[in-house]
């Protein structure tokens, strides 16, 4: 069985050993679990495409602020069509399986180091820490979606084209076009400075 009855996931290989366990590519016609994975770390078992669609449904959250307001909350079918259209654009441009390109883009844009705040003696210090593989995947998907919405919000380009552009830029390691890759470089630079 293929995802959306179009793309095969059997040929997709995850090269990053940390992300291999968390990038789930089980074949389903429609990747929708309907909230069955509600336990603490159960989202590690959810299909990668479903997680991308779920991130597209909550686009505006930047920390505690809600910067972009769109009518996308709860519209799974609409966001699934956006992902299908983005994958078709990627397939047309590269002549490759778009799911393999998404996996490679995630491997390129997922940062491995970040900083946390430690309070010691009344003062706060930044401390560099390693990022867990599940958090690497979550933040990478979130940054891909944020980059796509930044390109599409109040612009002539639609979200499918913006998502395809963001995924391709992360795949090609083009930090001038990819928000997720720029965020990765920024976070790893901060972590190096905090060592």
Protein backbone atom coordinates (compact mmCIF):
# COMPACT_ATOMS: atom_id res chain seq x y z
CA UNK A 1 0.00 0.00 0.00
CA UNK A 2 1.20 3.52 -0.76
CA UNK A 3 0.71 6.78 1.11
CA UNK A 4 -2.28 8.58 -0.44
CA UNK A 5 -2.18 5.70 -2.97
CA UNK A 6 0.52 7.63 -4.86
CA UNK A 7 3.96 7.38 -3.20
CA UNK A 8 5.73 4.26 -2.02
CA UNK A 9 7.63 4.39 1.26
CA UNK A 10 9.47 1.07 0.95
CA UNK A 11 12.39 2.64 -0.93
CA UNK A 12 12.82 5.54 1.53
CA UNK A 13 15.84 5.11 3.81
CA UNK A 14 16.59 7.18 6.90
CA UNK A 15 20.35 7.68 7.17
CA UNK A 16 20.48 9.59 10.47
CA UNK A 17 20.83 6.96 13.23
CA UNK A 18 19.21 9.20 15.84
CA UNK A 19 16.11 9.94 13.78
CA UNK A 20 15.73 6.42 12.36
CA UNK A 21 13.58 5.26 15.28
CA UNK A 22 11.27 8.29 15.19
CA UNK A 23 10.65 8.81 11.47
CA UNK A 24 7.75 6.41 10.96
CA UNK A 25 6.85 5.71 7.35
CA UNK A 26 4.33 2.90 7.63
CA UNK A 27 2.20 2.64 4.51
CA UNK A 28 -1.36 3.85 4.89
CA UNK A 29 -3.87 5.06 2.39
CA UNK A 30 -4.71 8.09 4.56
CA UNK A 31 -2.22 8.77 7.37
CA UNK A 32 -4.70 9.68 10.09
CA UNK A 33 -4.67 8.08 13.54
CA UNK A 34 -7.60 10.19 14.89
CA UNK A 35 -5.87 10.83 18.20
CA UNK A 36 -5.32 7.19 19.15
CA UNK A 37 -1.72 7.95 20.12
CA UNK A 38 -2.39 10.06 23.21
CA UNK A 39 0.18 8.75 25.66
CA UNK A 40 3.31 10.65 26.56
CA UNK A 41 5.75 9.46 23.90
CA UNK A 42 3.19 7.87 21.61
CA UNK A 43 3.68 10.51 18.93
CA UNK A 44 6.91 8.68 18.12
CA UNK A 45 4.68 6.00 16.54
CA UNK A 46 2.66 8.44 14.39
CA UNK A 47 3.32 8.55 10.65
CA UNK A 48 5.65 11.35 9.52
CA UNK A 49 3.19 12.68 6.93
CA UNK A 50 0.40 12.83 9.51
CA UNK A 51 2.66 14.77 11.86
CA UNK A 52 3.46 17.24 9.07
CA UNK A 53 -0.27 17.71 8.40
CA UNK A 54 -0.94 18.17 12.12
CA UNK A 55 1.77 20.85 12.30
CA UNK A 56 0.16 22.62 9.34
CA UNK A 57 -3.07 22.90 11.32
CA UNK A 58 -1.40 25.06 14.01
CA UNK A 59 0.70 27.53 12.04
CA UNK A 60 0.82 30.71 14.09
CA UNK A 61 2.29 29.67 17.42
CA UNK A 62 5.74 31.22 17.85
CA UNK A 63 6.58 30.52 21.46
CA UNK A 64 3.76 32.02 23.48
CA UNK A 65 2.66 34.45 20.78
CA UNK A 66 0.15 33.81 18.03
CA UNK A 67 1.71 35.72 15.16
CA UNK A 68 -0.15 34.40 12.13
CA UNK A 69 -3.88 33.79 12.26
CA UNK A 70 -5.34 31.63 9.52
CA UNK A 71 -8.41 29.47 9.21
CA UNK A 72 -6.62 26.15 9.30
CA UNK A 73 -7.33 24.72 12.75
CA UNK A 74 -9.04 21.33 12.57
CA UNK A 75 -9.13 21.17 8.77
CA UNK A 76 -7.23 17.93 8.28
CA UNK A 77 -8.54 17.20 4.78
CA UNK A 78 -7.65 20.67 3.50
CA UNK A 79 -4.14 20.45 4.93
CA UNK A 80 -3.75 16.91 3.53
CA UNK A 81 -4.58 18.29 0.06
CA UNK A 82 -1.97 21.00 0.60
CA UNK A 83 0.65 18.37 1.44
CA UNK A 84 -0.34 16.25 -1.59
CA UNK A 85 -0.04 19.30 -3.87
CA UNK A 86 3.33 20.21 -2.34
CA UNK A 87 4.56 16.65 -2.89
CA UNK A 88 3.39 16.78 -6.52
CA UNK A 89 5.33 20.03 -7.02
CA UNK A 90 8.44 18.43 -5.49
CA UNK A 91 8.04 15.33 -7.65
CA UNK A 92 7.66 17.44 -10.79
CA UNK A 93 10.80 19.48 -10.01
CA UNK A 94 13.10 16.67 -8.89
CA UNK A 95 11.69 13.52 -10.57
CA UNK A 96 12.21 11.69 -7.25
CA UNK A 97 10.02 10.34 -4.48
CA UNK A 98 8.93 13.43 -2.48
CA UNK A 99 8.78 11.48 0.78
CA UNK A 100 12.47 10.61 0.43
CA UNK A 101 13.19 14.29 -0.21
CA UNK A 102 11.19 15.26 2.90
CA UNK A 103 13.17 12.77 5.01
CA UNK A 104 16.49 14.10 3.69
CA UNK A 105 15.32 17.69 4.31
CA UNK A 106 14.48 16.77 7.91
CA UNK A 107 17.90 15.16 8.36
CA UNK A 108 19.55 18.33 7.04
CA UNK A 109 17.46 20.81 9.07
CA UNK A 110 17.16 19.03 12.44
CA UNK A 111 19.56 20.63 14.89
CA UNK A 112 21.54 18.51 17.33
CA UNK A 113 22.52 21.12 19.94
CA UNK A 114 20.53 23.85 21.63
CA UNK A 115 20.67 25.93 24.79
CA UNK A 116 18.78 25.84 28.05
CA UNK A 117 18.73 28.34 30.91
CA UNK A 118 20.37 27.40 34.21
CA UNK A 119 19.90 29.61 37.26
CA UNK A 120 22.91 29.58 39.54
CA UNK A 121 23.37 32.00 42.43
CA UNK A 122 20.56 34.30 41.31
CA UNK A 123 21.99 34.71 37.81
CA UNK A 124 20.82 32.95 34.69
CA UNK A 125 23.25 31.32 32.32
CA UNK A 126 22.82 29.62 28.97
CA UNK A 127 24.03 26.03 28.92
CA UNK A 128 24.55 24.00 25.74
CA UNK A 129 22.69 20.68 25.72
CA UNK A 130 22.19 17.86 23.25
CA UNK A 131 18.76 17.70 21.65
CA UNK A 132 16.82 14.45 21.92
CA UNK A 133 15.89 12.80 18.61
CA UNK A 134 12.14 13.24 19.16
CA UNK A 135 12.59 16.95 19.87
CA UNK A 136 14.86 17.25 16.82
CA UNK A 137 12.06 15.90 14.64
CA UNK A 138 9.36 18.03 16.30
CA UNK A 139 11.26 21.29 16.01
CA UNK A 140 12.35 20.56 12.45
CA UNK A 141 8.77 19.91 11.31
CA UNK A 142 7.62 23.03 13.16
CA UNK A 143 10.33 25.15 11.52
CA UNK A 144 9.51 23.79 8.05
CA UNK A 145 5.85 24.75 8.57
CA UNK A 146 6.74 28.19 10.00
CA UNK A 147 8.97 28.87 7.01
CA UNK A 148 6.22 27.83 4.60
CA UNK A 149 3.61 30.02 6.30
CA UNK A 150 6.01 32.99 6.36
CA UNK A 151 6.42 32.62 2.60
CA UNK A 152 2.68 32.25 1.95
CA UNK A 153 0.94 34.55 4.45
CA UNK A 154 -0.50 37.63 2.67
CA UNK A 155 1.48 36.81 -0.46
CA UNK A 156 0.54 35.59 -3.94
CA UNK A 157 2.17 32.19 -3.41
CA UNK A 158 -0.11 29.55 -1.85
CA UNK A 159 0.79 27.26 1.04
CA UNK A 160 1.42 24.20 -1.18
CA UNK A 161 4.00 26.05 -3.25
CA UNK A 162 5.56 27.58 -0.14
CA UNK A 163 5.82 24.20 1.60
CA UNK A 164 7.39 22.64 -1.50
CA UNK A 165 9.89 25.51 -1.71
CA UNK A 166 10.80 25.19 1.98
CA UNK A 167 11.28 21.40 1.77
CA UNK A 168 13.39 21.68 -1.40
CA UNK A 169 15.54 24.44 0.11
CA UNK A 170 16.19 22.31 3.21
CA UNK A 171 16.92 19.30 0.97
CA UNK A 172 19.45 21.29 -1.07
CA UNK A 173 20.97 22.88 2.10
CA UNK A 174 20.17 26.39 0.83
CA UNK A 175 20.25 28.42 4.05
CA UNK A 176 19.28 31.66 2.28
CA UNK A 177 15.90 30.21 1.24
CA UNK A 178 15.17 27.75 4.06
CA UNK A 179 13.85 29.08 7.38
CA UNK A 180 14.41 25.69 9.04
CA UNK A 181 18.05 25.50 7.97
CA UNK A 182 18.71 29.09 9.08
CA UNK A 183 17.14 28.28 12.45
CA UNK A 184 19.35 25.18 12.77
CA UNK A 185 22.50 27.21 12.11
CA UNK A 186 21.40 29.88 14.60
CA UNK A 187 20.63 27.35 17.37
CA UNK A 188 23.90 25.47 16.90
CA UNK A 189 25.85 28.76 16.89
CA UNK A 190 24.20 29.75 20.18
CA UNK A 191 25.03 26.33 21.65
CA UNK A 192 28.68 26.65 20.59
CA UNK A 193 28.88 30.09 22.20
CA UNK A 194 27.38 28.76 25.46
CA UNK A 195 29.91 25.95 25.94
